[in-house]
């Protein structure tokens, strides 16, 4: 795992010992393999069989992998409730105990920066060109 991935995991795994952190980092590939085998090329939300066409979903807040989804469910996941909300709470990675930072061709994802909920009330014109 790259140094950047270690940095991204730093905030997420802050309470764990260095030994435990290293085990999680080393187990990334095994974790993704476990998710692949458990899902059997089926979307974690709709259950449709999509051999070779699933995408790896991750939580944009934590940057952690959640599971494999078909493209349709992946697009709708962030904006839909019901079965999608259940998936966010109990996804394959959570069920299997997999802790892995999402990585793309651009490198590991970083956890999202928290947004101040009162930002709009503090300065409504900031950043919108008024």
Protein backbone atom coordinates (compact mmCIF):
# COMPACT_ATOMS: atom_id res chain seq x y z
CA UNK A 1 0.00 0.00 0.00
CA UNK A 2 1.28 3.45 -0.84
CA UNK A 3 2.29 6.13 1.65
CA UNK A 4 -0.72 8.17 0.49
CA UNK A 5 -3.06 5.34 1.42
CA UNK A 6 -1.46 5.15 4.85
CA UNK A 7 -2.09 8.88 5.24
CA UNK A 8 -5.74 8.51 4.18
CA UNK A 9 -6.24 5.75 6.72
CA UNK A 10 -4.55 7.77 9.48
CA UNK A 11 -7.69 9.61 10.56
CA UNK A 12 -9.94 6.60 10.08
CA UNK A 13 -7.83 4.20 12.13
CA UNK A 14 -6.45 6.72 14.64
CA UNK A 15 -7.55 4.71 17.68
CA UNK A 16 -5.89 1.46 16.59
CA UNK A 17 -2.42 0.22 17.40
CA UNK A 18 0.28 0.38 14.69
CA UNK A 19 0.24 -3.43 14.59
CA UNK A 20 -3.51 -3.54 13.92
CA UNK A 21 -3.20 -0.76 11.35
CA UNK A 22 -0.51 -2.72 9.49
CA UNK A 23 -2.67 -5.86 9.48
CA UNK A 24 -5.52 -3.89 7.92
CA UNK A 25 -3.24 -2.31 5.31
CA UNK A 26 -1.70 -5.67 4.39
CA UNK A 27 -5.15 -7.28 4.19
CA UNK A 28 -6.54 -4.94 1.51
CA UNK A 29 -6.28 -7.40 -1.38
CA UNK A 30 -7.54 -10.29 0.71
CA UNK A 31 -10.49 -8.17 1.82
CA UNK A 32 -11.48 -7.24 -1.72
CA UNK A 33 -11.15 -10.88 -2.76
CA UNK A 34 -13.39 -11.90 0.15
CA UNK A 35 -16.04 -9.37 -0.96
CA UNK A 36 -15.83 -10.58 -4.59
CA UNK A 37 -16.22 -14.21 -3.56
CA UNK A 38 -19.07 -13.45 -1.14
CA UNK A 39 -21.04 -11.42 -3.70
CA UNK A 40 -20.51 -13.99 -6.50
CA UNK A 41 -20.58 -11.32 -9.24
CA UNK A 42 -23.94 -10.01 -8.02
CA UNK A 43 -24.79 -6.39 -7.23
CA UNK A 44 -24.90 -5.86 -3.45
CA UNK A 45 -28.12 -3.83 -3.78
CA UNK A 46 -30.32 -5.28 -6.53
CA UNK A 47 -28.75 -8.76 -6.63
CA UNK A 48 -28.53 -8.81 -10.43
CA UNK A 49 -25.78 -11.03 -11.86
CA UNK A 50 -23.24 -8.87 -13.75
CA UNK A 51 -20.09 -10.91 -14.49
CA UNK A 52 -17.14 -8.55 -15.01
CA UNK A 53 -19.29 -5.41 -14.98
CA UNK A 54 -19.58 -4.47 -11.30
CA UNK A 55 -17.95 -1.31 -9.93
CA UNK A 56 -16.30 -0.98 -6.54
CA UNK A 57 -18.38 1.34 -4.35
CA UNK A 58 -16.97 3.39 -1.48
CA UNK A 59 -18.17 5.82 1.17
CA UNK A 60 -17.14 9.34 0.18
CA UNK A 61 -17.12 10.45 3.81
CA UNK A 62 -14.72 7.77 5.11
CA UNK A 63 -13.10 6.70 1.80
CA UNK A 64 -13.69 3.06 2.80
CA UNK A 65 -14.78 0.38 0.34
CA UNK A 66 -18.35 -0.91 0.82
CA UNK A 67 -18.92 -3.50 -1.91
CA UNK A 68 -19.50 -4.11 -5.61
CA UNK A 69 -22.51 -2.57 -7.35
CA UNK A 70 -23.95 -2.59 -10.85
CA UNK A 71 -23.58 0.78 -12.59
CA UNK A 72 -27.27 1.59 -12.19
CA UNK A 73 -27.28 1.07 -8.42
CA UNK A 74 -23.95 2.85 -8.03
CA UNK A 75 -25.36 5.99 -9.70
CA UNK A 76 -28.57 5.92 -7.64
CA UNK A 77 -27.02 4.88 -4.32
CA UNK A 78 -26.10 8.36 -3.03
CA UNK A 79 -29.51 9.88 -3.78
CA UNK A 80 -31.94 7.13 -2.80
CA UNK A 81 -33.30 5.61 0.40
CA UNK A 82 -34.96 2.27 1.23
CA UNK A 83 -32.77 -0.63 0.15
CA UNK A 84 -29.99 1.84 -0.57
CA UNK A 85 -30.06 3.11 3.02
CA UNK A 86 -29.92 -0.49 4.28
CA UNK A 87 -26.93 -1.09 2.00
CA UNK A 88 -25.13 1.96 3.44
CA UNK A 89 -25.67 0.59 6.96
CA UNK A 90 -24.90 -3.09 6.24
CA UNK A 91 -22.76 -3.43 3.15
CA UNK A 92 -20.59 -6.43 2.25
CA UNK A 93 -17.42 -4.86 3.69
CA UNK A 94 -19.14 -4.21 7.02
CA UNK A 95 -20.66 -7.68 7.15
CA UNK A 96 -17.33 -9.35 6.34
CA UNK A 97 -15.24 -7.04 8.54
CA UNK A 98 -13.22 -5.66 5.61
CA UNK A 99 -11.55 -2.28 6.21
CA UNK A 100 -9.99 -1.02 2.99
CA UNK A 101 -9.43 2.46 1.55
CA UNK A 102 -10.81 2.87 -1.96
CA UNK A 103 -8.12 3.26 -4.62
CA UNK A 104 -8.58 4.38 -8.21
CA UNK A 105 -6.09 4.87 -11.02
CA UNK A 106 -5.42 8.27 -9.43
CA UNK A 107 -4.43 6.75 -6.08
CA UNK A 108 -6.21 6.22 -2.78
CA UNK A 109 -9.31 8.25 -1.94
CA UNK A 110 -9.15 10.66 0.95
CA UNK A 111 -11.87 11.05 3.58
CA UNK A 112 -14.14 14.00 2.88
CA UNK A 113 -13.48 17.26 4.67
CA UNK A 114 -16.32 17.99 7.10
CA UNK A 115 -18.54 20.88 6.01
CA UNK A 116 -19.63 23.46 8.55
CA UNK A 117 -23.46 23.15 8.68
CA UNK A 118 -23.75 26.89 9.50
CA UNK A 119 -21.55 28.01 6.59
CA UNK A 120 -24.47 29.34 4.55
CA UNK A 121 -25.87 31.38 7.45
CA UNK A 122 -22.44 32.80 8.29
CA UNK A 123 -21.74 34.16 4.80
CA UNK A 124 -24.39 33.34 2.18
CA UNK A 125 -22.55 35.11 -0.69
CA UNK A 126 -19.18 33.42 -0.20
CA UNK A 127 -18.04 31.34 -3.12
CA UNK A 128 -20.96 31.97 -5.47
CA UNK A 129 -19.68 35.06 -7.28
CA UNK A 130 -21.94 37.70 -5.74
